[in-house]
């Protein structure tokens, strides 16, 4: 487990309780409660690295009031059909997906936070035996407006 100022990894698998994650992180000096809460500013932007069956690549995402208002593909990547903003997510939306996956007892629903309590990664896998339902998201380069 990392020091409180380093990265804190929360891995809650199906059937594992949030209490365990909270207890583990409390031992590291963190006040993390096991929830997927983030104090999102009203307006922010960040870089999202997405690896799913539908799309892959890095995207610059602009968010207002929890909704994606602008998105653009950075460099090479696999662009999904239609409007890009329909396929990328605000951080709040990604955290809701984790909560939903946990409620549905997904095989894997993990969130990683940095020392400033900003989400830096989301890993989702609904069914262990399925090969096409995994999703991996990395978040970085936050800018707050």
Protein backbone atom coordinates (compact mmCIF):
# COMPACT_ATOMS: atom_id res chain seq x y z
CA UNK A 1 0.00 0.00 0.00
CA UNK A 2 1.37 3.43 -0.91
CA UNK A 3 2.04 6.22 1.53
CA UNK A 4 -0.88 8.64 1.92
CA UNK A 5 0.83 11.18 -0.36
CA UNK A 6 1.42 8.60 -3.06
CA UNK A 7 -1.15 6.75 -5.09
CA UNK A 8 -3.97 5.07 -3.25
CA UNK A 9 -5.44 2.08 -5.03
CA UNK A 10 -8.89 0.92 -4.16
CA UNK A 11 -9.76 -2.47 -5.56
CA UNK A 12 -13.20 -3.65 -4.63
CA UNK A 13 -14.09 -6.92 -6.26
CA UNK A 14 -17.55 -8.47 -6.29
CA UNK A 15 -18.53 -9.30 -2.74
CA UNK A 16 -15.76 -7.25 -1.12
CA UNK A 17 -16.95 -4.52 1.18
CA UNK A 18 -16.08 -0.86 1.07
CA UNK A 19 -15.25 -1.14 4.76
CA UNK A 20 -12.10 -3.13 3.96
CA UNK A 21 -10.85 -0.49 1.54
CA UNK A 22 -11.59 2.25 4.05
CA UNK A 23 -9.80 0.35 6.80
CA UNK A 24 -6.75 -0.29 4.63
CA UNK A 25 -6.47 3.33 3.60
CA UNK A 26 -7.15 4.65 7.08
CA UNK A 27 -4.05 2.76 8.14
CA UNK A 28 -2.10 4.80 5.58
CA UNK A 29 -3.27 8.10 7.03
CA UNK A 30 -5.93 8.75 4.41
CA UNK A 31 -9.49 9.83 5.15
CA UNK A 32 -10.85 7.77 2.24
CA UNK A 33 -14.19 6.17 3.11
CA UNK A 34 -14.43 3.57 0.36
CA UNK A 35 -16.88 5.61 -1.69
CA UNK A 36 -16.30 6.76 -5.24
CA UNK A 37 -16.79 10.40 -4.36
CA UNK A 38 -14.82 13.24 -5.86
CA UNK A 39 -15.33 16.94 -5.20
CA UNK A 40 -15.62 17.93 -8.81
CA UNK A 41 -15.31 21.58 -9.71
CA UNK A 42 -18.05 23.12 -11.81
CA UNK A 43 -15.74 23.36 -14.85
CA UNK A 44 -12.63 21.36 -15.57
CA UNK A 45 -10.75 19.56 -18.31
CA UNK A 46 -8.58 16.46 -18.27
CA UNK A 47 -6.93 13.91 -20.52
CA UNK A 48 -8.68 10.55 -20.71
CA UNK A 49 -6.90 7.44 -21.97
CA UNK A 50 -9.54 4.93 -22.97
CA UNK A 51 -9.10 1.25 -23.80
CA UNK A 52 -12.37 -0.47 -24.68
CA UNK A 53 -13.69 -2.64 -27.50
CA UNK A 54 -15.32 0.43 -29.09
CA UNK A 55 -12.50 2.94 -28.88
CA UNK A 56 -8.94 3.44 -27.77
CA UNK A 57 -6.72 6.46 -27.51
CA UNK A 58 -6.22 9.67 -25.60
CA UNK A 59 -8.86 12.36 -25.52
CA UNK A 60 -8.96 15.88 -24.12
CA UNK A 61 -12.26 16.23 -22.27
CA UNK A 62 -13.90 19.50 -21.17
CA UNK A 63 -16.64 19.25 -18.54
CA UNK A 64 -19.21 21.71 -17.21
CA UNK A 65 -21.64 20.79 -14.43
CA UNK A 66 -20.70 17.10 -14.67
CA UNK A 67 -21.37 16.82 -18.42
CA UNK A 68 -18.91 16.56 -21.31
CA UNK A 69 -19.23 19.74 -23.37
CA UNK A 70 -16.25 19.22 -25.67
CA UNK A 71 -13.94 16.33 -26.53
CA UNK A 72 -11.19 15.80 -29.06
CA UNK A 73 -9.02 12.86 -30.02
CA UNK A 74 -5.32 13.41 -29.32
CA UNK A 75 -3.01 11.76 -31.85
CA UNK A 76 -3.77 8.33 -33.24
CA UNK A 77 -6.55 6.26 -31.82
CA UNK A 78 -9.65 4.29 -32.58
CA UNK A 79 -12.48 6.80 -32.88
CA UNK A 80 -16.01 5.54 -32.24
CA UNK A 81 -18.85 6.28 -34.68
CA UNK A 82 -20.92 9.44 -34.24
CA UNK A 83 -20.26 12.32 -31.88
CA UNK A 84 -17.17 11.82 -29.75
CA UNK A 85 -18.83 13.45 -26.74
CA UNK A 86 -21.37 10.58 -26.72
CA UNK A 87 -18.57 8.06 -26.08
CA UNK A 88 -16.34 9.78 -23.54
CA UNK A 89 -17.18 10.56 -19.93
CA UNK A 90 -16.82 13.16 -17.25
CA UNK A 91 -15.03 11.92 -14.14
CA UNK A 92 -18.38 11.96 -12.33
CA UNK A 93 -19.88 9.70 -15.00
CA UNK A 94 -16.95 7.27 -14.76
CA UNK A 95 -17.35 7.06 -10.98
CA UNK A 96 -21.09 6.39 -11.41
CA UNK A 97 -20.20 3.53 -13.77
CA UNK A 98 -17.98 2.06 -11.05
CA UNK A 99 -20.77 2.32 -8.47
CA UNK A 100 -23.23 0.72 -10.87
CA UNK A 101 -20.78 -2.12 -11.60
CA UNK A 102 -20.26 -2.71 -7.88
CA UNK A 103 -24.02 -2.77 -7.28
CA UNK A 104 -24.33 -5.34 -10.07
CA UNK A 105 -21.52 -7.38 -8.47
CA UNK A 106 -19.17 -7.01 -11.41
CA UNK A 107 -16.06 -9.13 -11.52
CA UNK A 108 -13.91 -5.99 -11.35
CA UNK A 109 -14.72 -2.37 -10.50
CA UNK A 110 -11.66 -0.44 -9.37
CA UNK A 111 -10.84 3.23 -8.89
CA UNK A 112 -7.36 4.66 -8.34
CA UNK A 113 -6.81 8.07 -6.73
CA UNK A 114 -3.70 10.22 -6.42
CA UNK A 115 -2.54 11.91 -3.21
CA UNK A 116 -4.75 14.93 -3.95
CA UNK A 117 -7.86 12.68 -4.14
CA UNK A 118 -8.18 13.07 -7.91
CA UNK A 119 -9.24 9.91 -9.73
CA UNK A 120 -6.40 8.62 -11.91
CA UNK A 121 -7.80 5.31 -13.15
CA UNK A 122 -10.91 3.17 -13.55
CA UNK A 123 -10.91 -0.55 -14.40
CA UNK A 124 -14.18 -2.32 -15.20
CA UNK A 125 -14.88 -5.96 -16.06
CA UNK A 126 -18.49 -7.06 -15.72
CA UNK A 127 -17.99 -10.80 -16.26
CA UNK A 128 -14.78 -12.71 -15.57
CA UNK A 129 -15.39 -15.22 -18.36
CA UNK A 130 -16.34 -12.66 -21.05
CA UNK A 131 -13.51 -11.40 -23.26
CA UNK A 132 -15.17 -8.28 -24.67
CA UNK A 133 -16.54 -6.33 -21.71
CA UNK A 134 -13.39 -4.89 -20.13
CA UNK A 135 -12.82 -1.14 -19.99
CA UNK A 136 -9.75 0.70 -18.79
CA UNK A 137 -9.61 4.46 -18.28
CA UNK A 138 -6.67 6.58 -17.12
CA UNK A 139 -7.15 10.21 -16.16
CA UNK A 140 -4.41 12.86 -15.99
CA UNK A 141 -3.54 16.49 -16.70
CA UNK A 142 -6.44 17.98 -14.77
CA UNK A 143 -7.08 21.70 -15.27
CA UNK A 144 -9.63 23.51 -13.15
CA UNK A 145 -11.39 26.64 -14.38
